[in-house]
Amino acid sequence: MRIIDAHQHFWDLDANYLPWLADRPVKFRYGNYDALKRNYMPADYRVDAGRYELVGSVFIETEWNPADPLGEVAWVSSLRERENLPSVMVAQAWLDRDDAELVLEAHGRTPFVRGIRHKPKSAARAEDIVVGAEGSMGDPAFRRGFALLAPNGLSFDLQTPWWHLAEAADLAEAFPQTQIVINHTALPSDRSEAGLSGWRQALRRVARCPNVAIKISGLGQKGQPWTVEANGPIVRETIDIFGVERCMFASNFPVDSLVASFATIFDGFREIVADFPAADQDALFCGNAARLYRIDIPERT
């Protein structure tokens, strides 16, 4: 099975400053994350990917020092030259900052940068949402920065809880030329009947926007094993709602190493879609990521 991993990270904590891994603990959905406070480089990743035919990967910004949004791009550039990984990058940018225009122009000029990620401010619960709150997707300053993505040839990776997807749909409709990619299956951490019903309805709303795709990843649950039984229905429903052509599988490694091995996750994905046509499986594991992130891969012979 050839794969393009649509969401993965590298970091060298000896050389670079990532505040969330270097400073005091932050709230984390998987609980204790001390195991991530180690260097994770392409050699480690290749071991984790093991027997899979890894034909490419999408490096997602790692919440690098926000005072140096271009530093991570320079570091990844040197990594690509030495290691031939990652294939492309989704870089850091802060859309509501005064430097957004200059940063986005720089990213747009970098051949291997495909988009940016800026995690908008989120509410702890749906009932706590304040429309237009500072730092949110409805914030005028955020939207001014967002408007600069398409002119610079950049997509937008969106990481937000599912209860903010109505705002994401509004954003997608306001900027139809900008590709939005939802991260981590819109974080369906509440697996109660009510929680999944809300998640499902939110996905249906945003899936009506043709410029929105989704990465199926980040499905771990605190203190629970990653199993096909637990995650299969989530995966199948996501694909049913968005369609095969707008879904991608991803590891979120090394972060999801806290809940499962690479093989457990990707073997699980394979089992969940084993009854799909071969072309659909190839699209989910490889082809869609190649198309949406503009990655050249050799044709199969």
C-alpha atoms as a PDB file:
ATOM      1  CA  MET A   1       0.000   0.000   0.000  1.00  0.00           C
ATOM      2  CA  ARG A   2       1.617   3.261  -1.089  1.00  0.00           C
ATOM      3  CA  ILE A   3       0.856   6.267   1.080  1.00  0.00           C
ATOM      4  CA  ILE A   4       1.302   9.996   1.246  1.00  0.00           C
ATOM      5  CA  ASP A   5       1.021  10.846   4.912  1.00  0.00           C
ATOM      6  CA  ALA A   6      -1.124  13.981   4.829  1.00  0.00           C
ATOM      7  CA  HIS A   7      -0.202  15.191   8.336  1.00  0.00           C
ATOM      8  CA  GLN A   8       3.097  14.615  10.130  1.00  0.00           C
ATOM      9  CA  HIS A   9       5.763  16.525  12.062  1.00  0.00           C
ATOM     10  CA  PHE A  10       9.512  16.604  12.681  1.00  0.00           C
ATOM     11  CA  TRP A  11      11.319  18.493  15.414  1.00  0.00           C
ATOM     12  CA  ASP A  12      14.815  18.935  16.802  1.00  0.00           C
ATOM     13  CA  LEU A  13      14.439  20.269  20.325  1.00  0.00           C
ATOM     14  CA  ASP A  14      18.203  20.624  20.727  1.00  0.00           C
ATOM     15  CA  ALA A  15      18.349  23.157  17.900  1.00  0.00           C
ATOM     16  CA  ASN A  16      14.922  24.815  17.792  1.00  0.00           C
ATOM     17  CA  TYR A  17      12.416  26.392  20.162  1.00  0.00           C
ATOM     18  CA  LEU A  18       8.905  24.927  20.259  1.00  0.00           C
ATOM     19  CA  PRO A  19       7.230  26.571  23.259  1.00  0.00           C
ATOM     20  CA  TRP A  20       4.639  23.847  23.859  1.00  0.00           C
ATOM     21  CA  LEU A  21       7.369  21.211  24.153  1.00  0.00           C
ATOM     22  CA  ALA A  22       9.992  23.350  25.889  1.00  0.00           C
ATOM     23  CA  ASP A  23       8.017  25.405  28.398  1.00  0.00           C
ATOM     24  CA  ARG A  24       5.431  24.629  31.041  1.00  0.00           C
ATOM     25  CA  PRO A  25       2.811  21.968  30.246  1.00  0.00           C
ATOM     26  CA  VAL A  26      -0.228  22.923  28.203  1.00  0.00           C
ATOM     27  CA  LYS A  27      -3.643  21.287  28.142  1.00  0.00           C
ATOM     28  CA  PHE A  28      -3.494  18.356  25.748  1.00  0.00           C
ATOM     29  CA  ARG A  29      -6.336  16.162  24.565  1.00  0.00           C
ATOM     30  CA  TYR A  30      -4.341  12.937  24.978  1.00  0.00           C
ATOM     31  CA  GLY A  31      -3.269  13.786  28.520  1.00  0.00           C
ATOM     32  CA  ASN A  32       0.412  13.499  29.451  1.00  0.00           C
ATOM     33  CA  TYR A  33       2.657  14.223  26.482  1.00  0.00           C
ATOM     34  CA  ASP A  34       6.109  14.002  28.053  1.00  0.00           C
ATOM     35  CA  ALA A  35       6.962  11.211  25.605  1.00  0.00           C
ATOM     36  CA  LEU A  36       6.892  13.789  22.792  1.00  0.00           C
ATOM     37  CA  LYS A  37       9.611  15.893  24.390  1.00  0.00           C
ATOM     38  CA  ARG A  38      12.350  14.244  22.354  1.00  0.00           C
ATOM     39  CA  ASN A  39      13.805  14.818  18.934  1.00  0.00           C
ATOM     40  CA  TYR A  40      11.771  13.280  16.130  1.00  0.00           C
ATOM     41  CA  MET A  41      13.494  13.246  12.773  1.00  0.00           C
ATOM     42  CA  PRO A  42      13.082  11.510   9.393  1.00  0.00           C
ATOM     43  CA  ALA A  43      15.083   8.456  10.493  1.00  0.00           C
ATOM     44  CA  ASP A  44      12.663   7.948  13.397  1.00  0.00           C
ATOM     45  CA  TYR A  45       9.689   8.469  11.132  1.00  0.00           C
ATOM     46  CA  ARG A  46      10.896   5.970   8.556  1.00  0.00           C
ATOM     47  CA  VAL A  47      11.218   3.355  11.289  1.00  0.00           C
ATOM     48  CA  ASP A  48       7.669   4.086  12.415  1.00  0.00           C
ATOM     49  CA  ALA A  49       6.314   3.959   8.853  1.00  0.00           C
ATOM     50  CA  GLY A  50       7.998   0.577   8.529  1.00  0.00           C
ATOM     51  CA  ARG A  51       6.704  -1.635   5.761  1.00  0.00           C
ATOM     52  CA  TYR A  52       4.475   0.960   4.117  1.00  0.00           C
ATOM     53  CA  GLU A  53       5.484   2.327   0.730  1.00  0.00           C
ATOM     54  CA  LEU A  54       5.919   5.941   1.798  1.00  0.00           C
ATOM     55  CA  VAL A  55       5.925   8.017  -1.386  1.00  0.00           C
ATOM     56  CA  GLY A  56       5.552  11.385   0.286  1.00  0.00           C
ATOM     57  CA  SER A  57       4.509  13.365   3.331  1.00  0.00           C
ATOM     58  CA  VAL A  58       2.987  16.702   4.293  1.00  0.00           C
ATOM     59  CA  PHE A  59       4.853  18.423   7.119  1.00  0.00           C
ATOM     60  CA  ILE A  60       2.510  20.500   9.263  1.00  0.00           C
ATOM     61  CA  GLU A  61       3.851  23.408  11.277  1.00  0.00           C
ATOM     62  CA  THR A  62       4.809  22.449  14.829  1.00  0.00           C
ATOM     63  CA  GLU A  63       3.872  25.600  16.751  1.00  0.00           C
ATOM     64  CA  TRP A  64       7.427  26.799  16.327  1.00  0.00           C
ATOM     65  CA  ASN A  65       8.537  29.985  18.078  1.00  0.00           C
ATOM     66  CA  PRO A  66       5.812  32.469  16.984  1.00  0.00           C
ATOM     67  CA  ALA A  67       8.360  35.296  16.992  1.00  0.00           C
ATOM     68  CA  ASP A  68      10.102  33.562  14.063  1.00  0.00           C
ATOM     69  CA  PRO A  69       7.425  32.322  11.632  1.00  0.00           C
ATOM     70  CA  LEU A  70       9.890  31.932   8.762  1.00  0.00           C
ATOM     71  CA  GLY A  71      12.501  30.059  10.781  1.00  0.00           C
ATOM     72  CA  GLU A  72      10.712  26.746  10.513  1.00  0.00           C
ATOM     73  CA  VAL A  73      10.552  27.039   6.727  1.00  0.00           C
ATOM     74  CA  ALA A  74      14.334  27.501   6.566  1.00  0.00           C
ATOM     75  CA  TRP A  75      14.836  24.496   8.854  1.00  0.00           C
ATOM     76  CA  VAL A  76      12.514  22.292   6.801  1.00  0.00           C
ATOM     77  CA  SER A  77      14.304  23.386   3.630  1.00  0.00           C
ATOM     78  CA  SER A  78      17.608  22.065   4.975  1.00  0.00           C
ATOM     79  CA  LEU A  79      15.880  18.893   6.149  1.00  0.00           C
ATOM     80  CA  ARG A  80      14.462  18.254   2.689  1.00  0.00           C
ATOM     81  CA  GLU A  81      17.886  18.642   1.116  1.00  0.00           C
ATOM     82  CA  ARG A  82      19.444  16.111   3.508  1.00  0.00           C
ATOM     83  CA  GLU A  83      16.624  13.627   3.958  1.00  0.00           C
ATOM     84  CA  ASN A  84      14.307  13.916   0.936  1.00  0.00           C
ATOM     85  CA  LEU A  85      11.460  14.408   3.408  1.00  0.00           C
ATOM     86  CA  PRO A  86       9.000  16.000   3.737  1.00  0.00           C
ATOM     87  CA  SER A  87       7.567  16.407   0.249  1.00  0.00           C
ATOM     88  CA  VAL A  88       5.774  19.668   1.017  1.00  0.00           C
ATOM     89  CA  MET A  89       4.986  21.857   4.005  1.00  0.00           C
ATOM     90  CA  VAL A  90       2.079  23.670   5.630  1.00  0.00           C
ATOM     91  CA  ALA A  91       3.791  26.586   7.339  1.00  0.00           C
ATOM     92  CA  GLN A  92       3.077  28.785  10.326  1.00  0.00           C
ATOM     93  CA  ALA A  93       1.391  32.156   9.904  1.00  0.00           C
ATOM     94  CA  TRP A  94      -0.701  34.321  12.190  1.00  0.00           C
ATOM     95  CA  LEU A  95      -3.419  35.786  10.023  1.00  0.00           C
ATOM     96  CA  ASP A  96      -4.443  38.492  12.482  1.00  0.00           C
ATOM     97  CA  ARG A  97      -0.927  39.846  13.073  1.00  0.00           C
ATOM     98  CA  ASP A  98       0.525  42.969  11.512  1.00  0.00           C
ATOM     99  CA  ASP A  99       3.199  40.914   9.734  1.00  0.00           C
ATOM    100  CA  ALA A 100       0.675  38.596   8.014  1.00  0.00           C
ATOM    101  CA  GLU A 101       1.071  40.150   4.567  1.00  0.00           C
ATOM    102  CA  LEU A 102       4.866  39.854   4.542  1.00  0.00           C
ATOM    103  CA  VAL A 103       4.863  36.337   6.008  1.00  0.00           C
ATOM    104  CA  LEU A 104       2.277  35.063   3.519  1.00  0.00           C
ATOM    105  CA  GLU A 105       4.141  36.611   0.605  1.00  0.00           C
ATOM    106  CA  ALA A 106       7.308  34.819   1.749  1.00  0.00           C
ATOM    107  CA  HIS A 107       5.467  31.514   2.071  1.00  0.00           C
ATOM    108  CA  GLY A 108       3.947  31.974  -1.360  1.00  0.00           C
ATOM    109  CA  ARG A 109       7.413  32.393  -2.880  1.00  0.00           C
ATOM    110  CA  THR A 110       8.724  29.189  -1.267  1.00  0.00           C
ATOM    111  CA  PRO A 111       8.369  26.315  -3.752  1.00  0.00           C
ATOM    112  CA  PHE A 112       7.581  23.567  -1.236  1.00  0.00           C
ATOM    113  CA  VAL A 113       5.144  25.533   0.960  1.00  0.00           C
ATOM    114  CA  ARG A 114       1.572  24.674   0.024  1.00  0.00           C
ATOM    115  CA  GLY A 115      -0.429  26.413   2.710  1.00  0.00           C
ATOM    116  CA  ILE A 116      -0.522  27.654   6.267  1.00  0.00           C
ATOM    117  CA  ARG A 117      -2.080  26.665   9.557  1.00  0.00           C
ATOM    118  CA  HIS A 118      -3.350  29.141  12.112  1.00  0.00           C
ATOM    119  CA  LYS A 119      -5.427  27.594  14.889  1.00  0.00           C
ATOM    120  CA  PRO A 120      -8.282  30.058  15.438  1.00  0.00           C
ATOM    121  CA  LYS A 121      -9.507  30.807  18.922  1.00  0.00           C
ATOM    122  CA  SER A 122     -12.041  28.198  20.006  1.00  0.00           C
ATOM    123  CA  ALA A 123     -14.672  27.930  22.721  1.00  0.00           C
ATOM    124  CA  ALA A 124     -14.661  25.068  25.195  1.00  0.00           C
ATOM    125  CA  ARG A 125     -18.288  24.280  24.356  1.00  0.00           C
ATOM    126  CA  ALA A 126     -20.692  25.117  21.560  1.00  0.00           C
ATOM    127  CA  GLU A 127     -22.806  27.249  23.855  1.00  0.00           C
ATOM    128  CA  ASP A 128     -19.774  29.407  24.691  1.00  0.00           C
ATOM    129  CA  ILE A 129     -19.132  30.565  21.122  1.00  0.00           C
ATOM    130  CA  VAL A 130     -18.958  34.334  20.679  1.00  0.00           C
ATOM    131  CA  VAL A 131     -19.406  35.224  17.024  1.00  0.00           C
ATOM    132  CA  GLY A 132     -16.605  37.459  15.796  1.00  0.00           C
ATOM    133  CA  ALA A 133     -14.492  37.003  18.927  1.00  0.00           C
ATOM    134  CA  GLU A 134     -10.901  38.193  18.713  1.00  0.00           C
ATOM    135  CA  GLY A 135      -8.755  35.517  17.124  1.00  0.00           C
ATOM    136  CA  SER A 136     -11.737  33.519  15.855  1.00  0.00           C
ATOM    137  CA  MET A 137     -12.654  32.769  12.242  1.00  0.00           C
ATOM    138  CA  GLY A 138     -15.167  35.600  12.388  1.00  0.00           C
ATOM    139  CA  ASP A 139     -12.650  38.169  13.603  1.00  0.00           C
ATOM    140  CA  PRO A 140     -12.250  40.895  10.919  1.00  0.00           C
ATOM    141  CA  ALA A 141      -8.479  40.871  11.460  1.00  0.00           C
ATOM    142  CA  PHE A 142      -8.353  37.088  10.907  1.00  0.00           C
ATOM    143  CA  ARG A 143     -10.391  37.474   7.738  1.00  0.00           C
ATOM    144  CA  ARG A 144      -8.163  40.221   6.387  1.00  0.00           C
ATOM    145  CA  GLY A 145      -5.256  37.827   6.626  1.00  0.00           C
ATOM    146  CA  PHE A 146      -7.286  34.935   5.233  1.00  0.00           C
ATOM    147  CA  ALA A 147      -8.106  37.011   2.152  1.00  0.00           C
ATOM    148  CA  LEU A 148      -4.377  37.033   1.311  1.00  0.00           C
ATOM    149  CA  LEU A 149      -4.078  33.242   1.047  1.00  0.00           C
ATOM    150  CA  ALA A 150      -5.467  32.695  -2.444  1.00  0.00           C
ATOM    151  CA  PRO A 151      -3.466  35.553  -4.039  1.00  0.00           C
ATOM    152  CA  ASN A 152      -0.325  33.889  -2.676  1.00  0.00           C
ATOM    153  CA  GLY A 153      -1.330  30.409  -3.857  1.00  0.00           C
ATOM    154  CA  LEU A 154      -1.810  29.086  -0.327  1.00  0.00           C
ATOM    155  CA  SER A 155      -4.350  26.735   1.198  1.00  0.00           C
ATOM    156  CA  PHE A 156      -5.523  26.744   4.809  1.00  0.00           C
ATOM    157  CA  ASP A 157      -5.266  23.876   7.288  1.00  0.00           C
ATOM    158  CA  LEU A 158      -7.971  24.302   9.909  1.00  0.00           C
ATOM    159  CA  GLN A 159      -7.690  22.707  13.329  1.00  0.00           C
ATOM    160  CA  THR A 160     -10.765  23.440  15.398  1.00  0.00           C
ATOM    161  CA  PRO A 161     -13.416  21.521  17.348  1.00  0.00           C
ATOM    162  CA  TRP A 162     -16.437  20.459  15.323  1.00  0.00           C
ATOM    163  CA  TRP A 163     -18.729  22.997  17.000  1.00  0.00           C
ATOM    164  CA  HIS A 164     -16.900  25.743  15.115  1.00  0.00           C
ATOM    165  CA  LEU A 165     -17.573  24.253  11.684  1.00  0.00           C
ATOM    166  CA  ALA A 166     -20.521  26.552  11.011  1.00  0.00           C
ATOM    167  CA  GLU A 167     -17.998  29.398  11.189  1.00  0.00           C
ATOM    168  CA  ALA A 168     -15.701  27.409   8.909  1.00  0.00           C
ATOM    169  CA  ALA A 169     -18.519  26.999   6.394  1.00  0.00           C
ATOM    170  CA  ASP A 170     -19.145  30.733   6.456  1.00  0.00           C
ATOM    171  CA  LEU A 171     -15.429  31.300   5.865  1.00  0.00           C
ATOM    172  CA  ALA A 172     -15.353  28.802   2.991  1.00  0.00           C
ATOM    173  CA  GLU A 173     -18.356  30.433   1.342  1.00  0.00           C
ATOM    174  CA  ALA A 174     -16.846  33.902   1.714  1.00  0.00           C
ATOM    175  CA  PHE A 175     -13.546  32.759   0.145  1.00  0.00           C
ATOM    176  CA  PRO A 176     -14.461  30.069  -2.411  1.00  0.00           C
ATOM    177  CA  GLN A 177     -11.054  30.221  -4.123  1.00  0.00           C
ATOM    178  CA  THR A 178      -9.209  29.123  -0.972  1.00  0.00           C
ATOM    179  CA  GLN A 179      -8.845  25.422  -0.277  1.00  0.00           C
ATOM    180  CA  ILE A 180      -9.580  24.591   3.366  1.00  0.00           C
ATOM    181  CA  VAL A 181      -8.438  21.287   4.855  1.00  0.00           C
ATOM    182  CA  ILE A 182      -9.959  20.303   8.182  1.00  0.00           C
ATOM    183  CA  ASN A 183      -7.459  18.638  10.512  1.00  0.00           C
ATOM    184  CA  HIS A 184      -8.001  15.539  12.626  1.00  0.00           C
ATOM    185  CA  THR A 185     -11.541  14.654  11.561  1.00  0.00           C
ATOM    186  CA  ALA A 186     -12.789  17.820  13.339  1.00  0.00           C
ATOM    187  CA  LEU A 187     -11.844  16.349  16.722  1.00  0.00           C
ATOM    188  CA  PRO A 188     -14.741  13.993  17.583  1.00  0.00           C
ATOM    189  CA  SER A 189     -13.454  13.389  21.108  1.00  0.00           C
ATOM    190  CA  ASP A 190     -16.918  13.182  22.675  1.00  0.00           C
ATOM    191  CA  ARG A 191     -18.142   9.755  21.593  1.00  0.00           C
ATOM    192  CA  SER A 192     -21.481  10.015  23.395  1.00  0.00           C
ATOM    193  CA  GLU A 193     -24.631   9.798  21.272  1.00  0.00           C
ATOM    194  CA  ALA A 194     -25.200  13.543  21.663  1.00  0.00           C
ATOM    195  CA  GLY A 195     -21.559  14.363  20.919  1.00  0.00           C
ATOM    196  CA  LEU A 196     -21.455  12.292  17.739  1.00  0.00           C
ATOM    197  CA  SER A 197     -24.786  13.679  16.597  1.00  0.00           C
ATOM    198  CA  GLY A 198     -23.434  17.225  16.900  1.00  0.00           C
ATOM    199  CA  TRP A 199     -20.202  16.268  15.134  1.00  0.00           C
ATOM    200  CA  ARG A 200     -22.125  14.599  12.314  1.00  0.00           C
ATOM    201  CA  GLN A 201     -24.400  17.591  11.748  1.00  0.00           C
ATOM    202  CA  ALA A 202     -21.438  19.978  11.781  1.00  0.00           C
ATOM    203  CA  LEU A 203     -19.609  17.890   9.174  1.00  0.00           C
ATOM    204  CA  ARG A 204     -22.662  17.837   6.939  1.00  0.00           C
ATOM    205  CA  ARG A 205     -22.906  21.632   7.092  1.00  0.00           C
ATOM    206  CA  VAL A 206     -19.303  22.319   6.137  1.00  0.00           C
ATOM    207  CA  ALA A 207     -19.162  19.504   3.562  1.00  0.00           C
ATOM    208  CA  ARG A 208     -21.646  21.453   1.443  1.00  0.00           C
ATOM    209  CA  CYS A 209     -18.738  23.771   0.613  1.00  0.00           C
ATOM    210  CA  PRO A 210     -16.819  22.268  -2.336  1.00  0.00           C
ATOM    211  CA  ASN A 211     -13.559  23.954  -1.297  1.00  0.00           C
ATOM    212  CA  VAL A 212     -13.393  22.045   2.005  1.00  0.00           C
ATOM    213  CA  ALA A 213     -11.615  18.688   2.421  1.00  0.00           C
ATOM    214  CA  ILE A 214     -10.824  16.707   5.553  1.00  0.00           C
ATOM    215  CA  LYS A 215      -7.961  14.684   6.990  1.00  0.00           C
ATOM    216  CA  ILE A 216      -8.957  11.505   8.792  1.00  0.00           C
ATOM    217  CA  SER A 217      -6.467  11.465  11.641  1.00  0.00           C
ATOM    218  CA  GLY A 218      -6.132  12.338  15.309  1.00  0.00           C
ATOM    219  CA  LEU A 219      -8.748   9.763  16.343  1.00  0.00           C
ATOM    220  CA  GLY A 220      -7.043   8.678  19.553  1.00  0.00           C
ATOM    221  CA  GLN A 221      -8.886   8.886  22.856  1.00  0.00           C
ATOM    222  CA  LYS A 222      -7.291   9.587  26.192  1.00  0.00           C
ATOM    223  CA  GLY A 223      -6.583   6.356  28.034  1.00  0.00           C
ATOM    224  CA  GLN A 224      -8.152   4.195  25.303  1.00  0.00           C
ATOM    225  CA  PRO A 225      -6.538   1.916  22.715  1.00  0.00           C
ATOM    226  CA  TRP A 226      -6.847   2.812  19.027  1.00  0.00           C
ATOM    227  CA  THR A 227      -9.178   0.155  17.598  1.00  0.00           C
ATOM    228  CA  VAL A 228     -11.127  -0.440  14.423  1.00  0.00           C
ATOM    229  CA  GLU A 229     -14.214  -1.000  16.546  1.00  0.00           C
ATOM    230  CA  ALA A 230     -13.913   2.443  18.162  1.00  0.00           C
ATOM    231  CA  ASN A 231     -12.847   4.432  15.100  1.00  0.00           C
ATOM    232  CA  GLY A 232     -14.304   2.553  12.149  1.00  0.00           C
ATOM    233  CA  PRO A 233     -17.733   4.207  12.324  1.00  0.00           C
ATOM    234  CA  ILE A 234     -16.110   7.667  12.546  1.00  0.00           C
ATOM    235  CA  VAL A 235     -13.989   6.958   9.474  1.00  0.00           C
ATOM    236  CA  ARG A 236     -16.871   5.555   7.442  1.00  0.00           C
ATOM    237  CA  GLU A 237     -19.229   8.395   8.320  1.00  0.00           C
ATOM    238  CA  THR A 238     -16.615  11.009   7.448  1.00  0.00           C
ATOM    239  CA  ILE A 239     -16.094   9.432   4.035  1.00  0.00           C
ATOM    240  CA  ASP A 240     -19.844   9.118   3.519  1.00  0.00           C
ATOM    241  CA  ILE A 241     -20.360  12.814   4.303  1.00  0.00           C
ATOM    242  CA  PHE A 242     -17.440  14.255   2.333  1.00  0.00           C
ATOM    243  CA  GLY A 243     -17.083  11.644  -0.377  1.00  0.00           C
ATOM    244  CA  VAL A 244     -13.934   9.678  -1.116  1.00  0.00           C
ATOM    245  CA  GLU A 245     -12.498  12.479  -3.256  1.00  0.00           C
ATOM    246  CA  ARG A 246     -12.241  14.946  -0.338  1.00  0.00           C
ATOM    247  CA  CYS A 247     -10.832  12.667   2.381  1.00  0.00           C
ATOM    248  CA  MET A 248      -7.222  11.771   3.211  1.00  0.00           C
ATOM    249  CA  PHE A 249      -5.655   9.438   5.746  1.00  0.00           C
ATOM    250  CA  ALA A 250      -2.859  10.774   7.941  1.00  0.00           C
ATOM    251  CA  SER A 251      -0.767   9.608  10.887  1.00  0.00           C
ATOM    252  CA  ASN A 252      -0.329  12.795  12.927  1.00  0.00           C
ATOM    253  CA  PHE A 253       2.999  11.305  13.971  1.00  0.00           C
ATOM    254  CA  PRO A 254       4.720  11.548  16.329  1.00  0.00           C
ATOM    255  CA  VAL A 255       1.791  13.057  18.270  1.00  0.00           C
ATOM    256  CA  ASP A 256      -0.474  10.059  17.777  1.00  0.00           C
ATOM    257  CA  SER A 257       2.319   7.724  18.862  1.00  0.00           C
ATOM    258  CA  LEU A 258       0.894   8.531  22.299  1.00  0.00           C
ATOM    259  CA  VAL A 259      -2.154   6.419  21.479  1.00  0.00           C
ATOM    260  CA  ALA A 260      -1.027   3.867  18.866  1.00  0.00           C
ATOM    261  CA  SER A 261       1.770   2.712  16.603  1.00  0.00           C
ATOM    262  CA  PHE A 262       1.921   3.867  12.990  1.00  0.00           C
ATOM    263  CA  ALA A 263       1.092   0.318  11.899  1.00  0.00           C
ATOM    264  CA  THR A 264      -1.924   0.106  14.210  1.00  0.00           C
ATOM    265  CA  ILE A 265      -3.354   3.295  12.729  1.00  0.00           C
ATOM    266  CA  PHE A 266      -2.705   2.540   9.068  1.00  0.00           C
ATOM    267  CA  ASP A 267      -3.569  -1.142   9.328  1.00  0.00           C
ATOM    268  CA  GLY A 268      -6.774   0.043  10.978  1.00  0.00           C
ATOM    269  CA  PHE A 269      -7.525   2.393   8.105  1.00  0.00           C
ATOM    270  CA  ARG A 270      -6.896  -0.430   5.634  1.00  0.00           C
ATOM    271  CA  GLU A 271      -9.260  -2.750   7.450  1.00  0.00           C
ATOM    272  CA  ILE A 272     -11.973  -0.096   7.711  1.00  0.00           C
ATOM    273  CA  VAL A 273     -12.003   0.536   3.937  1.00  0.00           C
ATOM    274  CA  ALA A 274     -11.070  -2.956   2.785  1.00  0.00           C
ATOM    275  CA  ASP A 275     -14.350  -3.291   0.885  1.00  0.00           C
ATOM    276  CA  PHE A 276     -13.786  -0.072  -1.088  1.00  0.00           C
ATOM    277  CA  PRO A 277     -12.709  -0.285  -4.758  1.00  0.00           C
ATOM    278  CA  ALA A 278      -8.923  -0.285  -5.185  1.00  0.00           C
ATOM    279  CA  ALA A 279      -8.997   3.133  -6.859  1.00  0.00           C
ATOM    280  CA  ASP A 280     -10.863   4.630  -3.901  1.00  0.00           C
ATOM    281  CA  GLN A 281      -8.406   3.129  -1.445  1.00  0.00           C
ATOM    282  CA  ASP A 282      -5.486   4.567  -3.414  1.00  0.00           C
ATOM    283  CA  ALA A 283      -7.189   7.979  -3.409  1.00  0.00           C
ATOM    284  CA  LEU A 284      -7.659   7.912   0.374  1.00  0.00           C
ATOM    285  CA  PHE A 285      -4.121   6.769   1.142  1.00  0.00           C
ATOM    286  CA  CYS A 286      -2.237   8.646  -1.559  1.00  0.00           C
ATOM    287  CA  GLY A 287      -3.948  10.255  -4.534  1.00  0.00           C
ATOM    288  CA  ASN A 288      -6.073  12.860  -2.800  1.00  0.00           C
ATOM    289  CA  ALA A 289      -3.139  14.181  -0.773  1.00  0.00           C
ATOM    290  CA  ALA A 290      -1.074  14.349  -3.964  1.00  0.00           C
ATOM    291  CA  ARG A 291      -3.798  16.385  -5.678  1.00  0.00           C
ATOM    292  CA  LEU A 292      -4.762  18.693  -2.832  1.00  0.00           C
ATOM    293  CA  TYR A 293      -1.185  19.407  -1.722  1.00  0.00           C
ATOM    294  CA  ARG A 294       0.258  19.347  -5.249  1.00  0.00           C
ATOM    295  CA  ILE A 295       2.765  16.553  -4.768  1.00  0.00           C
ATOM    296  CA  ASP A 296       4.318  14.891  -7.810  1.00  0.00           C
ATOM    297  CA  ILE A 297       4.523  11.120  -7.476  1.00  0.00           C
ATOM    298  CA  PRO A 298       5.702   8.570 -10.059  1.00  0.00           C
ATOM    299  CA  GLU A 299       3.041   6.853 -12.092  1.00  0.00           C
ATOM    300  CA  ARG A 300       2.570   3.194 -11.273  1.00  0.00           C
ATOM    301  CA  THR A 301       3.733   0.847 -14.008  1.00  0.00           C
END
